[in-house]
Amino acid sequence: MKKSVLAMTMASVMAVGVFSGCAGGGNTTPTSAESDGKEQYTWRMAHEEYEGDMQDVYAKEFAQKLYDNSDGRINLEIYPVGQIGDALQQCELLQNGGLEFAIVSPGNTGTVVPENQLFSLHFLFPQDWAKTQKVLQTSEALNVMLHDKYVERKIKPLSFWTEGAMAWTSNKSLKDINGFKGMKFRTMQSPMIIAAYEAYGANPTPMSYTEVYSGLQLNMIEGQENPTSAIYTSKFHEVQKYLTEANSNLYITATCVNPTFFDGLPADIQKIVLDTIAEMVPRSFEIQEELNGGALDKITAESDIIVETLTDDERAVYKEAAKKAYDRYKKIVGEDGAKILDKLIEEVAAVEAE
């Protein structure tokens, strides 16, 4: 059944290319440009969010920069979630060469790259954004050790970046950790995210992002986590009573490429891609600040949702409970994953001490 679904999804990708011939039609084979004889490239990139959401803004800016930096030789077509499958299907397409690029979030691919579930651990990264940015850019644990685990699964991360701190929405207050007890809390399909909320006493309920609004509306789920910007654009505040600024964890995602495709590119084209990715590193932080910054004001202006912020004492209770998930992570991923986590904790501590 899984192979059948993937085959149908790949067929839909090809169909999209056929019907968008004026835009290059998904052609991944270089063709001669009529103007100057240089090779032209048309690639596809999928992401896991809707048009206008953070990944969509990032992807479109990345595409424009690729076009500009290549003097018009590279055309990157963008496909939001749902156009060619859900997040996991997009990841499978990337692995199998049906897509050249994708924004792959660990929360949706914990079963594909188990080691990446460390991003789902709470209270792991610094609270200071500048320090978090430094960790994501310089960490050997992430950019060497974890990177290699992705490549083993036919995914090459080009950049890890954050969409901002997670906020919780729910039908009851979560300032007291007991509020989570038995709550049907929506999570991604990641065993580690599930473990993180089990540590708080919740009843984690994996669900596709496209079903979350109706799930909250129909009380199939009672709460969920997302950056504030995503909460606003997806209108979750319309069907929830509380929004908790927990800052418990970050939404980390990754810009990825199919390694076989990338390795087959000419050296000058590879350099353009890598240089463009480097340009997007500081821009990714700016995008999340821009979109998250005004989202909370819009949420409170358009709804009666009650906004709560955890105090230091309340955070301390959650942080202690979260340690159970760290031990669970090491048991799930084994020795290699445990080494990655220990190295990352060491690196975070060093940055925090600066």
Protein backbone atom coordinates (compact mmCIF):
# COMPACT_ATOMS: atom_id res chain seq x y z
CA MET A 1 0.00 0.00 0.00
CA LYS A 2 2.79 2.43 0.88
CA LYS A 3 4.53 1.85 -2.46
CA SER A 4 1.20 2.37 -4.24
CA VAL A 5 0.62 5.70 -2.51
CA LEU A 6 4.16 6.83 -3.30
CA ALA A 7 3.76 5.82 -6.94
CA MET A 8 0.51 7.78 -7.21
CA THR A 9 2.16 10.82 -5.60
CA MET A 10 5.13 10.66 -7.98
CA ALA A 11 2.68 10.40 -10.86
CA SER A 12 0.98 13.57 -9.65
CA VAL A 13 4.36 15.34 -9.55
CA MET A 14 4.93 14.38 -13.16
CA ALA A 15 1.44 15.51 -14.06
CA VAL A 16 2.04 18.90 -12.48
CA GLY A 17 5.14 19.24 -14.63
CA VAL A 18 3.25 18.38 -17.82
CA PHE A 19 0.57 20.96 -17.20
CA SER A 20 3.01 23.71 -16.21
CA GLY A 21 5.15 23.59 -19.33
CA CYS A 22 5.50 27.36 -19.53
CA ALA A 23 7.31 27.33 -16.19
CA GLY A 24 9.72 24.59 -17.18
CA GLY A 25 7.47 21.65 -16.37
CA GLY A 26 9.62 20.06 -13.68
CA ASN A 27 12.43 19.27 -16.12
CA THR A 28 15.54 18.30 -14.16
CA THR A 29 17.72 17.78 -17.23
CA PRO A 30 19.76 20.83 -18.30
CA THR A 31 18.76 22.30 -21.66
CA SER A 32 20.49 24.88 -23.83
CA ALA A 33 19.37 28.47 -23.31
CA GLU A 34 18.48 30.18 -26.58
CA SER A 35 20.03 33.46 -25.42
CA ASP A 36 23.60 32.60 -24.46
CA GLY A 37 23.93 28.84 -24.81
CA LYS A 38 24.38 28.21 -21.08
CA GLU A 39 22.59 25.31 -19.48
CA GLN A 40 19.24 26.07 -17.84
CA TYR A 41 17.78 24.15 -14.87
CA THR A 42 14.22 23.73 -13.62
CA TRP A 43 13.88 22.02 -10.24
CA ARG A 44 11.07 21.36 -7.77
CA MET A 45 10.90 22.13 -4.06
CA ALA A 46 8.13 21.03 -1.70
CA HIS A 47 7.43 22.26 1.81
CA GLU A 48 5.12 21.27 4.65
CA GLU A 49 3.04 24.40 5.14
CA TYR A 50 0.45 26.49 3.35
CA GLU A 51 0.97 29.47 1.05
CA GLY A 52 1.98 32.51 3.09
CA ASP A 53 3.31 30.45 6.00
CA MET A 54 6.94 30.66 7.06
CA GLN A 55 8.25 27.79 4.97
CA ASP A 56 6.45 29.18 1.93
CA VAL A 57 8.01 32.63 2.42
CA TYR A 58 11.45 31.04 2.88
CA ALA A 59 11.07 28.76 -0.15
CA LYS A 60 9.97 31.56 -2.46
CA GLU A 61 12.84 33.82 -1.36
CA PHE A 62 15.27 30.92 -1.80
CA ALA A 63 13.91 30.37 -5.31
CA GLN A 64 14.27 34.06 -6.20
CA LYS A 65 17.84 34.19 -4.88
CA LEU A 66 18.76 31.04 -6.85
CA TYR A 67 17.36 32.67 -9.98
CA ASP A 68 19.22 35.93 -9.36
CA ASN A 69 22.51 34.30 -8.32
CA SER A 70 22.50 32.08 -11.41
CA ASP A 71 21.65 34.94 -13.80
CA GLY A 72 18.33 33.29 -14.55
CA ARG A 73 19.71 29.81 -15.21
CA ILE A 74 17.96 28.16 -12.21
CA ASN A 75 14.18 28.08 -11.93
CA LEU A 76 12.89 26.53 -8.68
CA GLU A 77 9.19 25.66 -8.60
CA ILE A 78 7.54 25.69 -5.16
CA TYR A 79 4.84 23.25 -4.02
CA PRO A 80 3.11 23.82 -0.65
CA VAL A 81 1.83 20.91 1.42
CA GLY A 82 -1.10 19.09 -0.15
CA GLN A 83 -0.20 19.81 -3.75
CA ILE A 84 1.97 16.71 -4.10
CA GLY A 85 1.31 14.83 -0.88
CA ASP A 86 1.62 15.34 2.84
CA ALA A 87 4.88 16.00 4.66
CA LEU A 88 5.97 12.35 4.87
CA GLN A 89 5.13 11.69 1.21
CA GLN A 90 7.16 14.75 0.23
CA CYS A 91 10.11 13.32 2.15
CA GLU A 92 9.74 9.97 0.38
CA LEU A 93 9.66 11.74 -2.98
CA LEU A 94 12.87 13.57 -2.07
CA GLN A 95 14.55 10.28 -1.15
CA ASN A 96 13.46 8.65 -4.39
CA GLY A 97 14.40 11.53 -6.67
CA GLY A 98 10.82 12.65 -7.39
CA LEU A 99 11.79 16.01 -5.91
CA GLU A 100 15.11 17.79 -5.97
CA PHE A 101 14.58 19.93 -2.85
CA ALA A 102 12.27 19.88 0.17
CA ILE A 103 11.93 21.51 3.55
CA VAL A 104 11.97 18.50 5.87
CA SER A 105 10.93 18.93 9.50
CA PRO A 106 12.19 16.36 12.01
CA GLY A 107 8.78 16.17 13.64
CA ASN A 108 7.42 14.66 10.45
CA THR A 109 10.42 12.43 9.70
CA GLY A 110 11.37 10.94 13.06
CA THR A 111 10.66 7.48 11.69
CA VAL A 112 12.88 8.17 8.65
CA VAL A 113 15.87 9.65 10.50
CA PRO A 114 15.37 8.58 14.14
CA GLU A 115 18.36 10.58 15.38
CA ASN A 116 16.76 13.88 14.32
CA GLN A 117 14.19 13.47 17.08
CA LEU A 118 16.54 15.30 19.43
CA PHE A 119 14.96 18.47 18.01
CA SER A 120 11.74 17.44 19.75
CA LEU A 121 13.32 17.46 23.20
CA HIS A 122 12.18 20.32 25.40
CA PHE A 123 14.47 22.89 27.06
CA LEU A 124 17.44 21.85 24.92
CA PHE A 125 18.34 25.06 23.04
CA PRO A 126 19.23 28.50 24.46
CA GLN A 127 16.45 31.00 25.10
CA ASP A 128 18.58 33.69 23.47
CA TRP A 129 18.02 33.81 19.68
CA ALA A 130 21.56 34.89 18.82
CA LYS A 131 22.98 31.96 20.75
CA THR A 132 20.51 29.57 19.14
CA GLN A 133 21.55 30.83 15.72
CA LYS A 134 25.20 30.20 16.55
CA VAL A 135 24.45 26.64 17.71
CA LEU A 136 22.53 25.82 14.51
CA GLN A 137 25.31 27.21 12.30
CA THR A 138 28.39 25.87 14.08
CA SER A 139 27.34 22.66 15.83
CA GLU A 140 29.39 19.59 14.88
CA ALA A 141 26.66 17.43 16.37
CA LEU A 142 24.13 18.80 13.88
CA ASN A 143 26.15 19.72 10.80
CA VAL A 144 28.44 16.70 10.76
CA MET A 145 27.18 13.86 12.93
CA LEU A 146 23.43 14.28 12.35
CA HIS A 147 23.99 15.40 8.75
CA ASP A 148 25.65 12.07 7.99
CA LYS A 149 22.66 10.18 9.41
CA TYR A 150 20.39 12.03 6.97
CA VAL A 151 22.66 11.23 4.04
CA GLU A 152 22.51 7.54 4.92
CA ARG A 153 18.75 7.85 4.29
CA LYS A 154 19.24 9.64 0.93
CA ILE A 155 18.52 13.13 2.30
CA LYS A 156 21.18 15.85 2.38
CA PRO A 157 20.52 18.73 4.82
CA LEU A 158 21.86 22.02 3.51
CA SER A 159 20.77 24.11 6.48
CA PHE A 160 19.01 23.66 9.82
CA TRP A 161 16.89 26.67 10.77
CA THR A 162 14.14 27.59 13.18
CA GLU A 163 10.60 28.85 12.71
CA GLY A 164 10.58 30.13 16.27
CA ALA A 165 9.61 28.99 19.72
CA MET A 166 6.62 26.71 20.12
CA ALA A 167 3.45 27.93 21.77
CA TRP A 168 0.69 25.69 23.07
CA THR A 169 -3.01 26.19 22.38
CA SER A 170 -5.56 24.29 24.44
CA ASN A 171 -9.05 24.21 25.89
CA LYS A 172 -7.77 24.71 29.44
CA SER A 173 -4.90 26.47 31.20
CA LEU A 174 -1.49 24.82 31.03
CA LYS A 175 0.36 27.03 33.52
CA ASP A 176 0.10 24.08 35.89
CA ILE A 177 1.60 20.91 34.40
CA ASN A 178 -1.41 18.95 35.69
CA GLY A 179 -3.45 20.66 32.99
CA PHE A 180 -1.86 18.24 30.51
CA LYS A 181 -3.09 15.17 32.37
CA GLY A 182 -5.05 13.02 29.91
CA MET A 183 -5.30 15.83 27.33
CA LYS A 184 -5.65 14.70 23.70
CA PHE A 185 -2.75 16.76 22.42
CA ARG A 186 -1.99 16.80 18.69
CA THR A 187 1.58 15.92 17.73
CA MET A 188 3.48 15.14 14.56
CA GLN A 189 4.34 11.57 13.69
CA SER A 190 7.48 11.53 15.80
CA PRO A 191 7.97 9.03 18.63
CA MET A 192 10.06 11.61 20.45
CA ILE A 193 7.43 14.36 20.33
CA ILE A 194 4.98 11.80 21.64
CA ALA A 195 7.42 10.94 24.45
CA ALA A 196 7.89 14.65 25.27
CA TYR A 197 4.19 15.14 25.92
CA GLU A 198 3.76 11.80 27.63
CA ALA A 199 6.32 13.12 30.13
CA TYR A 200 3.80 15.86 30.97
CA GLY A 201 0.97 13.35 31.38
CA ALA A 202 -0.77 14.14 28.09
CA ASN A 203 -2.40 11.74 25.65
CA PRO A 204 -0.41 12.55 22.46
CA THR A 205 -2.47 12.18 19.29
CA PRO A 206 -0.58 12.15 15.95
CA MET A 207 -2.52 13.92 13.21
CA SER A 208 -1.77 15.43 9.80
CA TYR A 209 -1.36 19.21 9.86
CA THR A 210 -4.15 19.56 7.31
CA GLU A 211 -6.61 17.99 9.79
CA VAL A 212 -5.70 19.97 12.92
CA TYR A 213 -8.25 22.79 12.61
CA SER A 214 -11.20 20.44 12.15
CA GLY A 215 -9.80 18.14 14.84
CA LEU A 216 -9.79 21.02 17.34
CA GLN A 217 -13.19 22.23 16.19
CA LEU A 218 -14.75 18.79 16.63
CA ASN A 219 -12.88 18.15 19.91
CA MET A 220 -11.12 15.13 18.45
CA ILE A 221 -8.03 16.81 19.92
CA GLU A 222 -7.88 19.33 22.75
CA GLY A 223 -4.60 21.12 22.10
CA GLN A 224 -1.59 21.46 19.80
CA GLU A 225 1.85 23.09 19.48
CA ASN A 226 3.12 25.43 16.77
CA PRO A 227 4.98 28.71 16.31
CA THR A 228 2.70 31.71 16.85
CA SER A 229 2.71 32.61 13.16
CA ALA A 230 1.41 29.17 12.19
CA ILE A 231 -1.26 29.35 14.91
CA TYR A 232 -2.47 32.61 13.38
CA THR A 233 -2.37 31.66 9.69
CA SER A 234 -4.05 28.32 10.39
CA LYS A 235 -6.65 30.07 12.61
CA PHE A 236 -6.25 27.66 15.52
CA HIS A 237 -7.04 30.56 17.86
CA GLU A 238 -10.60 30.48 16.55
CA VAL A 239 -11.21 27.06 18.10
CA GLN A 240 -9.09 27.21 21.28
CA LYS A 241 -9.50 28.97 24.65
CA TYR A 242 -5.87 29.35 25.79
CA LEU A 243 -2.51 30.13 24.21
CA THR A 244 0.52 29.41 26.39
CA GLU A 245 3.87 31.03 25.64
CA ALA A 246 5.92 28.14 26.97
CA ASN A 247 9.18 28.57 25.01
CA SER A 248 9.75 24.92 25.79
CA ASN A 249 11.20 24.02 22.44
CA LEU A 250 11.90 25.37 19.00
CA TYR A 251 10.36 24.38 15.71
CA ILE A 252 13.49 23.31 13.85
CA THR A 253 13.31 22.43 10.20
CA ALA A 254 15.86 21.75 7.45
CA THR A 255 16.35 22.72 3.83
CA CYS A 256 17.30 19.47 2.12
CA VAL A 257 18.29 18.17 -1.28
CA ASN A 258 18.44 14.73 -2.85
CA PRO A 259 22.15 13.82 -2.51
CA THR A 260 22.40 11.86 -5.77
CA PHE A 261 20.92 14.78 -7.69
CA PHE A 262 23.16 17.30 -5.92
CA ASP A 263 26.34 15.26 -6.42
CA GLY A 264 25.55 15.07 -10.14
CA LEU A 265 25.44 18.84 -10.59
CA PRO A 266 28.39 20.74 -12.10
CA ALA A 267 30.69 22.29 -9.49
CA ASP A 268 29.71 25.85 -10.39
CA ILE A 269 25.99 25.08 -9.95
CA GLN A 270 26.65 23.35 -6.62
CA LYS A 271 28.48 26.48 -5.48
CA ILE A 272 25.55 28.70 -6.44
CA VAL A 273 23.21 26.50 -4.39
CA LEU A 274 25.49 26.46 -1.34
CA ASP A 275 26.17 30.20 -1.52
CA THR A 276 22.44 30.86 -1.75
CA ILE A 277 21.79 28.63 1.26
CA ALA A 278 24.37 30.65 3.19
CA GLU A 279 22.52 33.85 2.27
CA MET A 280 19.30 32.35 3.61
CA VAL A 281 20.75 31.55 7.06
CA PRO A 282 20.38 35.06 8.54
CA ARG A 283 17.27 35.65 6.44
CA SER A 284 15.55 32.61 7.99
CA PHE A 285 15.84 34.21 11.43
CA GLU A 286 14.52 37.50 10.08
CA ILE A 287 11.53 35.77 8.49
CA GLN A 288 10.55 34.03 11.71
CA GLU A 289 10.89 37.28 13.67
CA GLU A 290 8.78 39.16 11.12
CA LEU A 291 6.00 36.58 10.96
CA ASN A 292 5.92 35.63 14.63
CA GLY A 293 6.32 39.22 15.82
CA GLY A 294 2.93 40.49 14.73
CA ALA A 295 1.02 37.23 14.92
CA LEU A 296 0.23 37.35 18.64
CA ASP A 297 -1.22 40.87 18.34
CA LYS A 298 -3.42 39.72 15.48
CA ILE A 299 -4.54 36.65 17.44
CA THR A 300 -5.60 38.68 20.47
CA ALA A 301 -7.30 41.30 18.29
CA GLU A 302 -9.34 38.72 16.39
CA SER A 303 -10.32 36.36 19.23
CA ASP A 304 -11.06 36.07 22.93
CA ILE A 305 -8.24 33.60 23.49
CA ILE A 306 -6.51 33.89 26.87
CA VAL A 307 -2.73 34.33 26.54
CA GLU A 308 -0.60 32.97 29.39
CA THR A 309 3.17 32.93 29.91
CA LEU A 310 4.97 30.42 32.10
CA THR A 311 6.84 31.87 35.07
CA ASP A 312 10.37 30.72 35.86
CA ASP A 313 9.02 28.45 38.61
CA GLU A 314 6.41 26.93 36.30
CA ARG A 315 9.05 26.38 33.60
CA ALA A 316 11.27 24.65 36.16
CA VAL A 317 8.54 22.08 36.85
CA TYR A 318 8.16 21.35 33.15
CA LYS A 319 11.93 21.23 32.62
CA GLU A 320 12.35 18.59 35.33
CA ALA A 321 9.55 16.47 33.84
CA ALA A 322 11.05 16.81 30.35
CA LYS A 323 14.21 14.95 31.40
CA LYS A 324 12.30 11.66 31.11
CA ALA A 325 12.16 12.20 27.36
CA TYR A 326 15.95 12.62 27.13
CA ASP A 327 16.43 9.12 28.53
CA ARG A 328 13.73 7.83 26.20
CA TYR A 329 15.50 9.37 23.21
CA LYS A 330 18.74 7.56 23.98
CA LYS A 331 16.91 4.24 24.28
CA ILE A 332 15.07 4.78 21.00
CA VAL A 333 18.01 5.85 18.83
CA GLY A 334 20.85 3.87 20.34
CA GLU A 335 24.52 4.68 20.85
CA ASP A 336 25.08 6.90 17.80
CA GLY A 337 22.06 9.05 18.58
CA ALA A 338 23.07 9.30 22.23
CA LYS A 339 26.51 10.59 21.18
CA ILE A 340 24.89 13.25 18.98
CA LEU A 341 22.70 14.44 21.84
CA ASP A 342 25.55 14.48 24.37
CA LYS A 343 27.72 16.45 21.92
CA LEU A 344 24.92 18.94 21.28
CA ILE A 345 24.31 19.46 25.01
CA GLU A 346 28.04 20.10 25.42
CA GLU A 347 28.02 22.62 22.55
CA VAL A 348 24.93 24.43 23.86
CA ALA A 349 26.51 24.73 27.30
CA ALA A 350 29.67 26.22 25.76
CA VAL A 351 27.67 28.81 23.80
CA GLU A 352 25.55 29.62 26.86
CA ALA A 353 28.74 30.25 28.87
CA GLU A 354 30.13 32.79 26.39
